[in-house]
N, C-alpha and C. Protein backbone atom coordinates (compact mmCIF):
# COMPACT_ATOMS: atom_id res chain seq x y z
N MET A 1 -5.76 38.35 20.98
CA MET A 1 -6.29 36.86 21.11
C MET A 1 -6.93 36.37 19.88
N LEU A 2 -6.62 35.02 20.12
CA LEU A 2 -6.84 34.26 18.72
C LEU A 2 -8.59 34.17 18.62
N SER A 3 -8.97 33.99 17.80
CA SER A 3 -10.72 34.04 17.76
C SER A 3 -10.74 32.56 17.78
N LYS A 4 -12.01 32.28 18.04
CA LYS A 4 -12.71 30.91 18.45
C LYS A 4 -12.61 30.01 17.14
N GLN A 5 -12.80 30.74 15.93
CA GLN A 5 -12.42 29.86 14.48
C GLN A 5 -11.22 29.45 14.45
N ILE A 6 -10.18 30.39 14.78
CA ILE A 6 -8.74 29.72 14.44
C ILE A 6 -8.32 28.66 15.46
N LEU A 7 -9.04 28.81 16.86
CA LEU A 7 -8.69 27.87 18.05
C LEU A 7 -9.11 26.63 17.49
N THR A 8 -10.57 26.52 16.88
CA THR A 8 -10.91 25.21 16.47
C THR A 8 -10.31 24.58 15.52
N LYS A 9 -10.05 25.38 14.52
CA LYS A 9 -9.00 24.75 13.18
C LYS A 9 -7.88 24.25 13.73
N MET A 10 -7.19 25.00 14.46
CA MET A 10 -6.00 24.37 14.97
C MET A 10 -6.11 23.25 16.28
N ASN A 11 -7.14 22.98 16.78
CA ASN A 11 -7.51 21.83 17.43
C ASN A 11 -7.56 20.72 16.74
N MET A 12 -8.35 20.94 15.41
CA MET A 12 -8.84 19.87 14.47
C MET A 12 -7.55 19.53 13.94
N LEU A 13 -6.73 20.42 13.43
CA LEU A 13 -5.31 19.75 13.13
C LEU A 13 -4.43 19.18 13.69
N ALA A 14 -4.52 19.73 15.24
CA ALA A 14 -3.71 18.73 16.08
C ALA A 14 -4.65 17.25 16.44
N GLN A 15 -5.54 17.26 16.30
CA GLN A 15 -6.20 15.80 16.21
C GLN A 15 -6.10 15.04 15.33
N SER A 16 -6.02 15.59 14.22
CA SER A 16 -5.72 14.67 12.96
C SER A 16 -4.39 14.20 12.78
N GLN A 17 -3.53 15.05 13.37
CA GLN A 17 -2.12 14.70 13.58
C GLN A 17 -1.88 13.50 14.55
N ARG A 18 -2.98 13.48 15.56
CA ARG A 18 -2.94 12.33 16.38
C ARG A 18 -3.43 11.11 16.04
N MET A 19 -4.04 11.10 14.69
CA MET A 19 -4.54 10.06 14.12
C MET A 19 -3.84 8.99 13.11
N PHE A 20 -2.54 9.51 13.31
CA PHE A 20 -1.59 8.83 12.35
C PHE A 20 -1.23 7.73 12.77
N SER A 21 -0.95 6.40 12.27
CA SER A 21 -0.23 5.29 12.90
C SER A 21 1.06 5.54 13.01
N THR A 22 1.74 5.20 14.37
CA THR A 22 2.93 5.27 14.63
C THR A 22 3.62 3.82 14.11
N ASN A 23 2.71 2.98 14.35
CA ASN A 23 3.30 1.27 13.90
C ASN A 23 2.36 0.98 12.65
N ILE A 24 3.41 0.10 11.90
CA ILE A 24 2.61 -0.19 10.64
C ILE A 24 2.48 -1.85 11.12
N ASN A 25 1.62 -2.28 11.14
CA ASN A 25 1.44 -3.72 11.60
C ASN A 25 0.86 -4.61 10.28
N LYS A 26 0.45 -4.06 9.38
CA LYS A 26 -0.38 -4.68 8.18
C LYS A 26 -0.28 -3.81 7.15
N LEU A 27 0.17 -4.32 5.94
CA LEU A 27 0.12 -3.75 4.60
C LEU A 27 -0.96 -3.92 3.86
N GLY A 28 -1.43 -3.23 3.00
CA GLY A 28 -2.69 -3.65 1.87
C GLY A 28 -1.82 -3.25 0.50
N VAL A 29 -1.98 -4.05 -0.39
CA VAL A 29 -1.25 -3.75 -1.54
C VAL A 29 -2.55 -4.10 -2.75
N VAL A 30 -2.99 -2.76 -3.49
CA VAL A 30 -4.10 -2.83 -4.34
C VAL A 30 -3.44 -2.98 -5.72
N GLY A 31 -3.79 -4.37 -6.47
CA GLY A 31 -3.20 -4.51 -7.54
C GLY A 31 -2.09 -5.56 -7.33
N ALA A 32 -2.28 -6.63 -8.00
CA ALA A 32 -1.54 -7.90 -8.05
C ALA A 32 -0.62 -8.14 -8.96
N GLY A 33 -0.22 -7.21 -9.85
CA GLY A 33 0.48 -7.38 -11.00
C GLY A 33 1.66 -7.26 -10.69
N GLN A 34 2.76 -7.10 -11.46
CA GLN A 34 4.30 -7.15 -11.01
C GLN A 34 4.83 -6.53 -10.09
N MET A 35 4.29 -5.17 -10.00
CA MET A 35 4.72 -4.00 -9.29
C MET A 35 4.28 -4.65 -7.90
N GLY A 36 2.63 -4.56 -7.76
CA GLY A 36 2.26 -4.88 -6.58
C GLY A 36 2.80 -6.09 -6.08
N THR A 37 3.10 -7.21 -6.56
CA THR A 37 3.56 -8.49 -6.13
C THR A 37 4.82 -8.05 -5.38
N GLY A 38 5.61 -7.54 -6.42
CA GLY A 38 7.26 -7.07 -5.71
C GLY A 38 7.18 -6.36 -4.47
N ILE A 39 5.90 -5.35 -4.39
CA ILE A 39 5.84 -4.60 -3.12
C ILE A 39 5.59 -5.48 -1.90
N GLY A 40 4.69 -6.15 -2.00
CA GLY A 40 4.18 -7.33 -1.32
C GLY A 40 5.25 -8.38 -0.87
N ILE A 41 6.16 -8.91 -1.59
CA ILE A 41 7.13 -9.62 -1.26
C ILE A 41 8.17 -8.98 -0.42
N VAL A 42 8.57 -7.68 -0.68
CA VAL A 42 9.59 -7.18 0.15
C VAL A 42 8.85 -6.80 1.37
N ALA A 43 7.87 -6.61 1.44
CA ALA A 43 6.97 -6.32 2.86
C ALA A 43 7.18 -7.43 3.65
N SER A 44 6.74 -8.49 3.09
CA SER A 44 6.40 -9.67 3.71
C SER A 44 7.85 -10.30 4.34
N ARG A 45 8.80 -10.17 3.37
CA ARG A 45 10.20 -10.97 3.75
C ARG A 45 11.10 -10.01 4.26
N VAL A 46 11.34 -8.59 3.85
CA VAL A 46 12.12 -7.70 4.84
C VAL A 46 11.56 -7.29 5.95
N ALA A 47 10.42 -6.83 6.00
CA ALA A 47 9.66 -6.12 7.33
C ALA A 47 8.84 -7.53 8.07
N SER A 48 8.80 -8.58 7.72
CA SER A 48 7.99 -9.71 8.05
C SER A 48 6.30 -9.28 8.57
N MET A 49 5.99 -8.61 7.62
CA MET A 49 4.57 -7.80 7.69
C MET A 49 3.51 -8.87 6.96
N PRO A 50 2.63 -8.78 7.79
CA PRO A 50 1.31 -9.36 6.93
C PRO A 50 0.93 -8.44 5.81
N VAL A 51 0.66 -9.24 4.79
CA VAL A 51 0.42 -8.44 3.40
C VAL A 51 -1.13 -8.89 2.75
N ALA A 52 -2.01 -7.85 2.61
CA ALA A 52 -2.97 -8.23 2.21
C ALA A 52 -3.21 -7.77 0.60
N PHE A 53 -3.28 -8.65 -0.42
CA PHE A 53 -3.38 -8.33 -1.95
C PHE A 53 -4.87 -8.16 -2.21
N VAL A 54 -5.03 -7.11 -2.86
CA VAL A 54 -6.74 -6.92 -3.52
C VAL A 54 -6.33 -6.49 -4.83
N ASP A 55 -7.38 -7.62 -5.65
CA ASP A 55 -7.35 -7.42 -6.91
C ASP A 55 -8.56 -8.06 -7.41
N PRO A 56 -9.35 -7.18 -8.19
CA PRO A 56 -10.62 -7.73 -8.61
C PRO A 56 -10.68 -9.06 -9.45
N SER A 57 -9.53 -9.35 -10.05
CA SER A 57 -9.30 -10.37 -10.97
C SER A 57 -8.83 -11.56 -10.19
N GLU A 58 -9.73 -12.63 -10.06
CA GLU A 58 -9.14 -13.92 -9.71
C GLU A 58 -8.06 -14.53 -10.18
N LYS A 59 -7.85 -14.24 -11.44
CA LYS A 59 -6.82 -14.72 -12.55
C LYS A 59 -5.58 -13.96 -12.19
N GLN A 60 -5.63 -12.51 -11.98
CA GLN A 60 -4.30 -11.79 -11.53
C GLN A 60 -3.78 -12.34 -10.02
N LEU A 61 -4.71 -12.53 -9.21
CA LEU A 61 -4.18 -13.01 -7.84
C LEU A 61 -3.50 -14.54 -8.05
N GLU A 62 -4.28 -14.90 -8.53
CA GLU A 62 -3.40 -16.69 -9.10
C GLU A 62 -2.01 -16.80 -9.69
N MET A 63 -2.05 -15.50 -10.82
CA MET A 63 -0.65 -15.22 -11.33
C MET A 63 0.22 -14.38 -10.06
N SER A 64 -0.16 -13.74 -9.06
CA SER A 64 0.69 -13.16 -8.25
C SER A 64 1.22 -14.27 -7.36
N GLN A 65 0.39 -15.18 -7.12
CA GLN A 65 0.88 -16.30 -6.25
C GLN A 65 1.72 -17.15 -6.99
N LYS A 66 1.68 -17.40 -8.11
CA LYS A 66 2.61 -18.11 -8.87
C LYS A 66 3.66 -17.49 -9.13
N MET A 67 4.09 -16.10 -9.22
CA MET A 67 5.20 -15.22 -9.50
C MET A 67 5.76 -15.22 -8.08
N ILE A 68 5.12 -15.32 -6.86
CA ILE A 68 5.74 -15.36 -5.66
C ILE A 68 6.33 -16.89 -5.47
N SER A 69 5.69 -17.78 -5.67
CA SER A 69 6.22 -19.10 -5.46
C SER A 69 7.47 -19.44 -6.34
N LYS A 70 7.52 -18.91 -7.69
CA LYS A 70 8.78 -19.17 -8.49
C LYS A 70 9.73 -18.11 -7.89
N TRP A 71 9.60 -17.01 -7.21
CA TRP A 71 10.67 -16.34 -6.79
C TRP A 71 11.18 -16.91 -5.80
N ARG A 72 10.30 -17.63 -4.71
CA ARG A 72 10.77 -18.14 -3.35
C ARG A 72 11.32 -19.08 -4.00
N ASP A 73 10.93 -20.07 -4.89
CA ASP A 73 12.14 -21.04 -5.38
C ASP A 73 13.26 -20.96 -5.93
N LYS A 74 13.32 -19.50 -6.61
CA LYS A 74 14.56 -19.20 -6.93
C LYS A 74 15.70 -18.62 -5.93
N GLU A 75 14.62 -18.24 -5.03
CA GLU A 75 15.61 -17.69 -3.80
C GLU A 75 16.27 -18.92 -2.81
N ILE A 76 15.39 -20.02 -2.84
CA ILE A 76 15.85 -21.15 -2.34
C ILE A 76 17.13 -21.86 -2.86
N GLY A 77 16.73 -21.74 -4.22
CA GLY A 77 17.86 -22.35 -5.12
C GLY A 77 19.26 -21.67 -5.03
N LYS A 78 18.98 -20.36 -4.71
CA LYS A 78 20.62 -19.55 -4.60
C LYS A 78 21.04 -19.43 -3.21
N GLU A 79 20.21 -20.19 -2.43
CA GLU A 79 20.57 -20.06 -1.00
C GLU A 79 20.78 -19.02 -0.13
N ARG A 80 19.90 -18.21 -0.57
CA ARG A 80 19.21 -16.79 -0.14
C ARG A 80 17.83 -16.83 0.90
N MET A 81 17.35 -18.10 0.94
CA MET A 81 16.12 -18.40 1.75
C MET A 81 16.21 -19.61 1.82
N THR A 82 15.84 -19.72 3.22
CA THR A 82 15.34 -21.10 3.74
C THR A 82 14.04 -21.42 3.43
N GLU A 83 13.82 -22.92 3.58
CA GLU A 83 12.55 -23.42 3.63
C GLU A 83 11.68 -22.77 4.69
N GLU A 84 12.03 -22.73 5.85
CA GLU A 84 11.58 -21.81 7.27
C GLU A 84 10.88 -20.64 6.75
N ASP A 85 11.90 -19.49 5.85
CA ASP A 85 11.47 -18.31 5.45
C ASP A 85 10.48 -18.23 4.57
N LYS A 86 10.41 -19.46 3.72
CA LYS A 86 9.41 -19.44 2.61
C LYS A 86 8.04 -19.78 3.40
N LYS A 87 7.94 -20.37 4.20
CA LYS A 87 6.72 -20.94 5.33
C LYS A 87 6.34 -19.59 5.73
N GLY A 88 7.09 -18.77 6.46
CA GLY A 88 7.12 -17.51 6.71
C GLY A 88 6.28 -16.28 5.79
N ILE A 89 6.72 -16.51 4.92
CA ILE A 89 6.36 -15.79 3.72
C ILE A 89 4.86 -15.97 3.41
N ILE A 90 4.50 -17.33 3.07
CA ILE A 90 3.32 -17.66 2.73
C ILE A 90 2.34 -17.41 3.69
N GLY A 91 2.71 -17.60 4.80
CA GLY A 91 1.84 -17.38 5.91
C GLY A 91 1.41 -15.98 6.44
N ARG A 92 2.30 -15.17 5.66
CA ARG A 92 2.02 -13.53 5.81
C ARG A 92 1.30 -13.12 4.74
N ILE A 93 0.92 -13.67 3.86
CA ILE A 93 0.45 -13.21 2.43
C ILE A 93 -1.08 -13.65 2.48
N THR A 94 -2.09 -13.05 1.98
CA THR A 94 -3.35 -13.35 1.95
C THR A 94 -3.87 -12.79 0.65
N TYR A 95 -4.76 -12.85 0.13
CA TYR A 95 -5.14 -12.74 -1.18
C TYR A 95 -6.72 -12.69 -1.10
N HIS A 96 -7.38 -11.21 -1.75
CA HIS A 96 -8.69 -11.00 -1.66
C HIS A 96 -9.27 -10.30 -2.91
N GLU A 97 -10.42 -10.41 -3.36
CA GLU A 97 -10.99 -10.01 -4.62
C GLU A 97 -11.61 -8.35 -4.42
N LYS A 98 -11.84 -8.10 -2.96
CA LYS A 98 -12.61 -7.07 -2.56
C LYS A 98 -11.97 -6.15 -1.80
N ILE A 99 -11.76 -4.63 -2.04
CA ILE A 99 -11.18 -3.49 -1.65
C ILE A 99 -11.49 -3.58 0.12
N THR A 100 -12.90 -4.09 0.53
CA THR A 100 -13.56 -3.96 1.73
C THR A 100 -12.81 -5.00 2.69
N SER A 101 -11.95 -5.72 2.23
CA SER A 101 -10.82 -6.48 2.95
C SER A 101 -9.80 -5.86 3.84
N LEU A 102 -9.73 -4.64 3.41
CA LEU A 102 -8.64 -3.54 3.98
C LEU A 102 -8.97 -2.91 5.34
N THR A 103 -9.85 -3.24 6.11
CA THR A 103 -10.60 -2.60 7.07
C THR A 103 -9.48 -2.64 8.26
N ASP A 104 -8.60 -3.26 8.18
CA ASP A 104 -7.50 -3.53 9.28
C ASP A 104 -5.99 -3.33 8.81
N VAL A 105 -5.87 -2.46 7.95
CA VAL A 105 -4.46 -2.19 7.69
C VAL A 105 -4.15 -0.85 7.83
N ASP A 106 -2.69 -0.41 8.41
CA ASP A 106 -2.16 0.65 8.57
C ASP A 106 -1.72 1.10 7.72
N PHE A 107 -1.22 0.74 6.23
CA PHE A 107 -0.70 1.40 5.13
C PHE A 107 -1.11 0.64 3.96
N VAL A 108 -1.54 1.33 3.19
CA VAL A 108 -1.94 1.02 1.43
C VAL A 108 -0.76 1.39 0.74
N VAL A 109 -0.36 0.30 -0.34
CA VAL A 109 0.24 1.05 -1.62
C VAL A 109 -0.75 0.39 -2.63
N GLU A 110 -1.15 1.70 -3.35
CA GLU A 110 -1.91 1.24 -4.63
C GLU A 110 -1.24 0.86 -5.76
N ALA A 111 -1.08 -0.12 -6.37
CA ALA A 111 -0.20 -0.44 -7.75
C ALA A 111 -0.87 -0.73 -9.04
N ALA A 112 -2.08 -0.04 -9.13
CA ALA A 112 -3.00 -0.48 -10.50
C ALA A 112 -2.35 0.30 -11.45
N SER A 113 -2.89 -0.04 -12.58
CA SER A 113 -2.56 0.59 -13.88
C SER A 113 -2.62 2.00 -13.98
N GLU A 114 -1.87 2.71 -14.62
CA GLU A 114 -1.74 4.17 -14.86
C GLU A 114 -3.12 4.98 -15.45
N ASN A 115 -3.82 4.90 -14.58
CA ASN A 115 -5.30 5.47 -15.18
C ASN A 115 -6.00 6.03 -14.16
N PHE A 116 -6.32 7.63 -14.34
CA PHE A 116 -6.29 8.62 -13.12
C PHE A 116 -8.11 8.10 -12.70
N LYS A 117 -8.99 7.58 -13.68
CA LYS A 117 -10.51 7.36 -13.06
C LYS A 117 -10.31 5.89 -12.27
N LEU A 118 -9.26 5.02 -12.85
CA LEU A 118 -9.24 3.93 -11.76
C LEU A 118 -8.57 4.15 -10.62
N LYS A 119 -7.78 5.00 -10.54
CA LYS A 119 -7.11 5.31 -9.18
C LYS A 119 -7.75 6.00 -8.35
N LYS A 120 -8.75 7.10 -9.10
CA LYS A 120 -9.70 7.75 -8.29
C LYS A 120 -10.68 7.03 -7.41
N MET A 121 -11.15 5.96 -8.44
CA MET A 121 -12.27 4.93 -7.63
C MET A 121 -11.68 4.02 -6.45
N ILE A 122 -10.34 3.62 -6.66
CA ILE A 122 -9.43 3.13 -5.83
C ILE A 122 -9.07 4.05 -4.37
N PHE A 123 -8.81 4.88 -4.70
CA PHE A 123 -8.69 6.06 -3.64
C PHE A 123 -10.20 6.45 -2.89
N GLU A 124 -11.00 6.47 -3.40
CA GLU A 124 -12.47 6.88 -2.84
C GLU A 124 -12.96 5.54 -2.03
N ASN A 125 -12.79 4.32 -2.59
CA ASN A 125 -12.87 3.48 -1.84
C ASN A 125 -12.06 3.07 -0.70
N LEU A 126 -10.73 3.00 -0.90
CA LEU A 126 -9.92 3.09 0.26
C LEU A 126 -10.04 4.10 1.60
N ALA A 127 -10.68 5.38 0.95
CA ALA A 127 -10.92 6.27 2.23
C ALA A 127 -11.91 6.07 2.91
N ALA A 128 -12.97 5.39 2.20
CA ALA A 128 -14.19 4.56 2.93
C ALA A 128 -14.18 3.64 3.89
N VAL A 129 -13.00 2.47 3.35
CA VAL A 129 -12.91 1.38 4.01
C VAL A 129 -11.80 1.17 4.91
N THR A 130 -10.50 2.09 4.65
CA THR A 130 -9.47 1.75 5.68
C THR A 130 -9.61 2.47 7.12
N PRO A 131 -9.01 2.33 8.11
CA PRO A 131 -8.71 3.13 9.30
C PRO A 131 -8.34 4.20 9.14
N GLY A 132 -9.02 5.06 9.82
CA GLY A 132 -8.70 6.71 9.86
C GLY A 132 -7.23 7.12 9.86
N HIS A 133 -6.34 6.23 10.45
CA HIS A 133 -4.81 6.36 10.64
C HIS A 133 -4.32 6.14 9.67
N ALA A 134 -4.76 5.17 8.51
CA ALA A 134 -3.98 4.58 7.62
C ALA A 134 -3.33 5.16 6.80
N ILE A 135 -2.24 5.18 6.29
CA ILE A 135 -1.33 6.22 5.16
C ILE A 135 -1.91 5.57 3.69
N LEU A 136 -2.30 6.09 2.76
CA LEU A 136 -2.53 5.77 1.76
C LEU A 136 -1.57 6.15 0.36
N ALA A 137 -0.87 5.23 0.26
CA ALA A 137 0.16 5.38 -1.10
C ALA A 137 -0.09 4.86 -2.30
N THR A 138 0.42 5.90 -3.38
CA THR A 138 0.14 5.44 -4.67
C THR A 138 1.57 5.10 -5.50
N ASN A 139 1.81 3.80 -6.45
CA ASN A 139 2.98 3.77 -7.12
C ASN A 139 2.89 4.41 -8.44
N THR A 140 2.18 5.24 -8.47
CA THR A 140 2.04 6.02 -9.80
C THR A 140 3.41 6.65 -10.11
N SER A 141 3.65 6.77 -11.56
CA SER A 141 4.87 7.61 -11.98
C SER A 141 4.45 8.47 -13.20
N SER A 142 3.01 8.94 -13.11
CA SER A 142 2.73 9.68 -14.01
C SER A 142 1.65 10.74 -13.82
N ILE A 143 0.71 10.33 -12.61
CA ILE A 143 -0.44 10.81 -12.24
C ILE A 143 0.36 11.78 -11.10
N SER A 144 -0.30 13.31 -10.72
CA SER A 144 -0.03 13.99 -9.83
C SER A 144 -0.31 13.32 -8.44
N ILE A 145 0.22 13.46 -7.47
CA ILE A 145 0.13 12.83 -6.12
C ILE A 145 -1.14 14.06 -5.81
N THR A 146 -0.80 15.38 -5.71
CA THR A 146 -1.74 16.12 -5.39
C THR A 146 -3.17 16.00 -5.96
N LYS A 147 -3.33 15.68 -7.36
CA LYS A 147 -4.47 15.35 -7.88
C LYS A 147 -5.43 14.34 -7.49
N LEU A 148 -4.52 13.17 -7.13
CA LEU A 148 -4.99 11.88 -6.63
C LEU A 148 -5.92 12.22 -5.07
N ALA A 149 -4.70 12.87 -4.17
CA ALA A 149 -5.11 13.17 -2.69
C ALA A 149 -6.32 13.96 -2.93
N GLY A 150 -6.54 14.93 -3.80
CA GLY A 150 -7.48 15.88 -3.99
C GLY A 150 -9.17 15.06 -4.05
N VAL A 151 -8.99 13.99 -4.52
CA VAL A 151 -10.18 13.19 -4.62
C VAL A 151 -10.93 12.56 -3.33
N ILE A 152 -9.94 12.81 -2.21
CA ILE A 152 -10.45 12.36 -0.96
C ILE A 152 -9.99 13.42 0.21
N PRO A 153 -10.56 14.74 0.01
CA PRO A 153 -10.02 15.88 0.62
C PRO A 153 -10.25 15.96 2.03
N ASP A 154 -10.75 14.80 2.74
CA ASP A 154 -10.80 14.46 4.16
C ASP A 154 -9.47 14.14 4.58
N ARG A 155 -9.07 13.14 3.85
CA ARG A 155 -7.71 12.27 3.97
C ARG A 155 -6.31 12.62 3.09
N ALA A 156 -6.45 13.72 2.25
CA ALA A 156 -5.61 14.17 1.45
C ALA A 156 -4.07 14.34 2.18
N HIS A 157 -4.17 14.65 3.48
CA HIS A 157 -3.07 14.96 4.18
C HIS A 157 -2.18 13.39 4.23
N GLN A 158 -3.32 12.31 4.18
CA GLN A 158 -2.51 10.88 4.38
C GLN A 158 -1.89 10.38 2.90
N VAL A 159 -2.03 10.78 1.99
CA VAL A 159 -1.68 10.52 0.78
C VAL A 159 -0.47 10.87 -0.04
N ILE A 160 0.47 9.67 -0.03
CA ILE A 160 1.85 9.67 -0.91
C ILE A 160 2.20 9.33 -1.98
N GLY A 161 3.18 9.23 -2.73
CA GLY A 161 3.47 8.75 -3.69
C GLY A 161 4.75 7.70 -3.04
N MET A 162 4.93 6.53 -3.70
CA MET A 162 6.09 5.54 -3.35
C MET A 162 6.12 5.16 -4.82
N HIS A 163 7.27 5.72 -5.45
CA HIS A 163 7.68 4.97 -6.76
C HIS A 163 8.93 4.06 -6.50
N PHE A 164 8.44 2.72 -6.73
CA PHE A 164 9.30 1.57 -6.54
C PHE A 164 9.84 1.44 -8.02
N MET A 165 11.20 0.94 -7.71
CA MET A 165 11.64 0.54 -9.10
C MET A 165 11.87 -0.82 -9.33
N ASN A 166 11.60 -1.28 -10.75
CA ASN A 166 11.47 -2.58 -10.81
C ASN A 166 12.60 -3.49 -11.46
N PRO A 167 12.78 -4.67 -11.14
CA PRO A 167 11.97 -5.46 -10.05
C PRO A 167 11.91 -5.17 -8.56
N VAL A 168 11.03 -4.78 -8.09
CA VAL A 168 11.01 -4.59 -6.56
C VAL A 168 11.85 -5.18 -5.51
N PRO A 169 11.94 -6.71 -5.83
CA PRO A 169 12.69 -7.19 -4.55
C PRO A 169 13.93 -7.17 -4.88
N VAL A 170 14.41 -6.64 -6.00
CA VAL A 170 16.15 -6.59 -6.43
C VAL A 170 16.50 -5.13 -6.28
N MET A 171 15.61 -4.34 -6.50
CA MET A 171 16.18 -2.42 -6.37
C MET A 171 15.81 -2.25 -5.29
N LYS A 172 16.83 -2.13 -4.54
CA LYS A 172 16.90 -1.12 -3.08
C LYS A 172 16.58 0.24 -3.23
N LEU A 173 15.99 0.75 -4.02
CA LEU A 173 15.51 2.14 -4.15
C LEU A 173 14.09 2.39 -4.13
N ILE A 174 13.61 3.14 -3.62
CA ILE A 174 12.19 3.80 -3.47
C ILE A 174 12.12 5.21 -3.53
N GLU A 175 11.34 5.99 -4.14
CA GLU A 175 11.09 7.59 -4.23
C GLU A 175 9.72 7.88 -3.67
N VAL A 176 10.01 8.75 -2.86
CA VAL A 176 8.72 8.96 -1.75
C VAL A 176 8.37 10.48 -2.07
N ILE A 177 7.33 10.58 -2.57
CA ILE A 177 6.66 11.92 -2.89
C ILE A 177 5.55 12.39 -2.39
N LYS A 178 5.63 13.59 -1.87
CA LYS A 178 4.18 14.13 -0.82
C LYS A 178 3.78 15.10 -1.99
N GLY A 179 2.64 15.07 -1.54
CA GLY A 179 1.59 16.20 -2.42
C GLY A 179 1.77 17.91 -2.17
N LEU A 180 1.51 18.44 -2.66
CA LEU A 180 1.14 19.69 -2.42
C LEU A 180 0.28 20.14 -1.48
């Protein structure tokens, strides 16, 4: 007969598995540099998904908007996008300076600089403000996913690595990494 402690742990595990979102309705992107902007472009264009960019730098958010505008104009010039597509993309993207704006996302991709202390702070904040079902991804290529997940032990099972290739809107390849 299974002990009460084992049954309790099994029940907790089953409940945590039910918390995962089966539908991703909104994406958060932390870091509005070249990689983060590219990730947001793909989510908005390909998946028609609302995207909330977060970057503490107003200047970086403005640069992201300019990068997206330049990309859209280039796509229209090459007849790979219509004006209607452009309006749809514009309407699905929002820009924010505070991570607290990500309270309604189902999936977040962190695309900040390769600095563990910075990423640690971001993941601690994401764990505090995002819904309990949200998947938390990092675009790191050099920091251990397990180490990052370890900074939020209650949600470590929801942390994955997603290594996008650059430039994201052009490269149709992504590497997905799980922690140990």
